[in-house]
């Protein structure tokens, strides 16, 4: 695996976590 694809994988992984955390925040606001 070269460095560029590795960096892309890490970036995608971080974005997935960020998006899921934001979804949890908005769901919490809606339920409360």
PDB file of N, CA and C in Angstrom:
ATOM      1  N   UNK A   1       0.860  -1.200   0.000  1.00  0.00           N
ATOM      2  CA  UNK A   1       0.000   0.000   0.000  1.00  0.00           C
ATOM      3  C   UNK A   1       0.889   1.241   0.000  1.00  0.00           C
ATOM      4  N   UNK A   2       0.627   2.158  -0.925  1.00  0.00           N
ATOM      5  CA  UNK A   2       1.462   3.354  -0.964  1.00  0.00           C
ATOM      6  C   UNK A   2       0.918   4.402   0.001  1.00  0.00           C
ATOM      7  N   UNK A   3       1.698   5.462   0.193  1.00  0.00           N
ATOM      8  CA  UNK A   3       1.358   6.461   1.210  1.00  0.00           C
ATOM      9  C   UNK A   3       0.068   7.197   0.887  1.00  0.00           C
ATOM     10  N   UNK A   4      -0.165   7.475  -0.395  1.00  0.00           N
ATOM     11  CA  UNK A   4      -1.337   8.272  -0.766  1.00  0.00           C
ATOM     12  C   UNK A   4      -2.633   7.529  -0.458  1.00  0.00           C
ATOM     13  N   UNK A   5      -2.723   6.267  -0.851  1.00  0.00           N
ATOM     14  CA  UNK A   5      -3.955   5.509  -0.594  1.00  0.00           C
ATOM     15  C   UNK A   5      -4.135   5.292   0.908  1.00  0.00           C
ATOM     16  N   UNK A   6      -3.015   5.156   1.621  1.00  0.00           N
ATOM     17  CA  UNK A   6      -3.090   4.990   3.073  1.00  0.00           C
ATOM     18  C   UNK A   6      -3.654   6.250   3.721  1.00  0.00           C
ATOM     19  N   UNK A   7      -3.176   7.404   3.271  1.00  0.00           N
ATOM     20  CA  UNK A   7      -3.661   8.678   3.801  1.00  0.00           C
ATOM     21  C   UNK A   7      -5.143   8.848   3.490  1.00  0.00           C
ATOM     22  N   UNK A   8      -5.538   8.427   2.283  1.00  0.00           N
ATOM     23  CA  UNK A   8      -6.942   8.534   1.876  1.00  0.00           C
ATOM     24  C   UNK A   8      -7.823   7.661   2.776  1.00  0.00           C
ATOM     25  N   UNK A   9      -7.340   6.459   3.083  1.00  0.00           N
ATOM     26  CA  UNK A   9      -8.097   5.561   3.968  1.00  0.00           C
ATOM     27  C   UNK A   9      -8.265   6.175   5.346  1.00  0.00           C
ATOM     28  N   UNK A  10      -7.185   6.745   5.872  1.00  0.00           N
ATOM     29  CA  UNK A  10      -7.247   7.363   7.201  1.00  0.00           C
ATOM     30  C   UNK A  10      -8.211   8.546   7.176  1.00  0.00           C
ATOM     31  N   UNK A  11      -8.161   9.341   6.112  1.00  0.00           N
ATOM     32  CA  UNK A  11      -9.051  10.494   5.984  1.00  0.00           C
ATOM     33  C   UNK A  11     -10.508  10.060   5.942  1.00  0.00           C
ATOM     34  N   UNK A  12     -10.787   9.002   5.191  1.00  0.00           N
ATOM     35  CA  UNK A  12     -12.160   8.498   5.092  1.00  0.00           C
ATOM     36  C   UNK A  12     -12.630   7.978   6.446  1.00  0.00           C
ATOM     37  N   UNK A  13     -11.739   7.285   7.146  1.00  0.00           N
ATOM     38  CA  UNK A  13     -12.051   6.740   8.466  1.00  0.00           C
ATOM     39  C   UNK A  13     -12.416   7.859   9.438  1.00  0.00           C
ATOM     40  N   UNK A  14     -11.599   8.927   9.451  1.00  0.00           N
ATOM     41  CA  UNK A  14     -11.849  10.063  10.340  1.00  0.00           C
ATOM     42  C   UNK A  14     -13.164  10.742   9.975  1.00  0.00           C
ATOM     43  N   UNK A  15     -13.420  10.908   8.671  1.00  0.00           N
ATOM     44  CA  UNK A  15     -14.665  11.559   8.243  1.00  0.00           C
ATOM     45  C   UNK A  15     -15.879  10.740   8.677  1.00  0.00           C
ATOM     46  N   UNK A  16     -15.783   9.404   8.592  1.00  0.00           N
ATOM     47  CA  UNK A  16     -16.902   8.551   9.007  1.00  0.00           C
ATOM     48  C   UNK A  16     -17.206   8.741  10.490  1.00  0.00           C
ATOM     49  N   UNK A  17     -16.156   8.812  11.312  1.00  0.00           N
ATOM     50  CA  UNK A  17     -16.341   9.030  12.749  1.00  0.00           C
ATOM     51  C   UNK A  17     -16.969  10.399  12.982  1.00  0.00           C
ATOM     52  N   UNK A  18     -16.446  11.422  12.286  1.00  0.00           N
ATOM     53  CA  UNK A  18     -16.943  12.787  12.460  1.00  0.00           C
ATOM     54  C   UNK A  18     -18.423  12.881  12.098  1.00  0.00           C
ATOM     55  N   UNK A  19     -18.796  12.278  10.975  1.00  0.00           N
ATOM     56  CA  UNK A  19     -20.190  12.332  10.513  1.00  0.00           C
ATOM     57  C   UNK A  19     -21.101  11.593  11.494  1.00  0.00           C
ATOM     58  N   UNK A  20     -20.688  10.415  11.956  1.00  0.00           N
ATOM     59  CA  UNK A  20     -21.534   9.647  12.874  1.00  0.00           C
ATOM     60  C   UNK A  20     -21.693  10.383  14.200  1.00  0.00           C
ATOM     61  N   UNK A  21     -20.637  11.087  14.655  1.00  0.00           N
ATOM     62  CA  UNK A  21     -20.743  11.854  15.900  1.00  0.00           C
ATOM     63  C   UNK A  21     -21.719  13.000  15.716  1.00  0.00           C
ATOM     64  N   UNK A  22     -21.672  13.662  14.541  1.00  0.00           N
ATOM     65  CA  UNK A  22     -22.601  14.766  14.277  1.00  0.00           C
ATOM     66  C   UNK A  22     -24.039  14.252  14.236  1.00  0.00           C
ATOM     67  N   UNK A  23     -24.257  13.081  13.660  1.00  0.00           N
ATOM     68  CA  UNK A  23     -25.602  12.506  13.599  1.00  0.00           C
ATOM     69  C   UNK A  23     -26.109  12.229  15.013  1.00  0.00           C
ATOM     70  N   UNK A  24     -25.246  11.720  15.880  1.00  0.00           N
ATOM     71  CA  UNK A  24     -25.640  11.457  17.263  1.00  0.00           C
ATOM     72  C   UNK A  24     -26.018  12.761  17.951  1.00  0.00           C
ATOM     73  N   UNK A  25     -25.256  13.827  17.698  1.00  0.00           N
ATOM     74  CA  UNK A  25     -25.545  15.122  18.308  1.00  0.00           C
ATOM     75  C   UNK A  25     -26.908  15.634  17.862  1.00  0.00           C
ATOM     76  N   UNK A  26     -27.199  15.571  16.566  1.00  0.00           N
ATOM     77  CA  UNK A  26     -28.476  16.089  16.068  1.00  0.00           C
ATOM     78  C   UNK A  26     -29.623  15.225  16.578  1.00  0.00           C
ATOM     79  N   UNK A  27     -29.426  13.918  16.673  1.00  0.00           N
ATOM     80  CA  UNK A  27     -30.473  13.037  17.193  1.00  0.00           C
ATOM     81  C   UNK A  27     -30.736  13.354  18.660  1.00  0.00           C
ATOM     82  N   UNK A  28     -29.686  13.637  19.408  1.00  0.00           N
ATOM     83  CA  UNK A  28     -29.847  13.998  20.816  1.00  0.00           C
ATOM     84  C   UNK A  28     -30.642  15.282  20.964  1.00  0.00           C
ATOM     85  N   UNK A  29     -30.382  16.247  20.090  1.00  0.00           N
ATOM     86  CA  UNK A  29     -31.108  17.519  20.137  1.00  0.00           C
ATOM     87  C   UNK A  29     -32.580  17.291  19.816  1.00  0.00           C
ATOM     88  N   UNK A  30     -32.853  16.438  18.836  1.00  0.00           N
ATOM     89  CA  UNK A  30     -34.242  16.182  18.419  1.00  0.00           C
ATOM     90  C   UNK A  30     -35.001  15.459  19.544  1.00  0.00           C
ATOM     91  N   UNK A  31     -34.384  14.456  20.160  1.00  0.00           N
ATOM     92  CA  UNK A  31     -35.077  13.697  21.203  1.00  0.00           C
ATOM     93  C   UNK A  31     -35.261  14.549  22.451  1.00  0.00           C
ATOM     94  N   UNK A  32     -34.311  15.408  22.761  1.00  0.00           N
ATOM     95  CA  UNK A  32     -34.419  16.282  23.930  1.00  0.00           C
ATOM     96  C   UNK A  32     -35.136  17.557  23.530  1.00  0.00           C
TER      97      UNK A  32
END
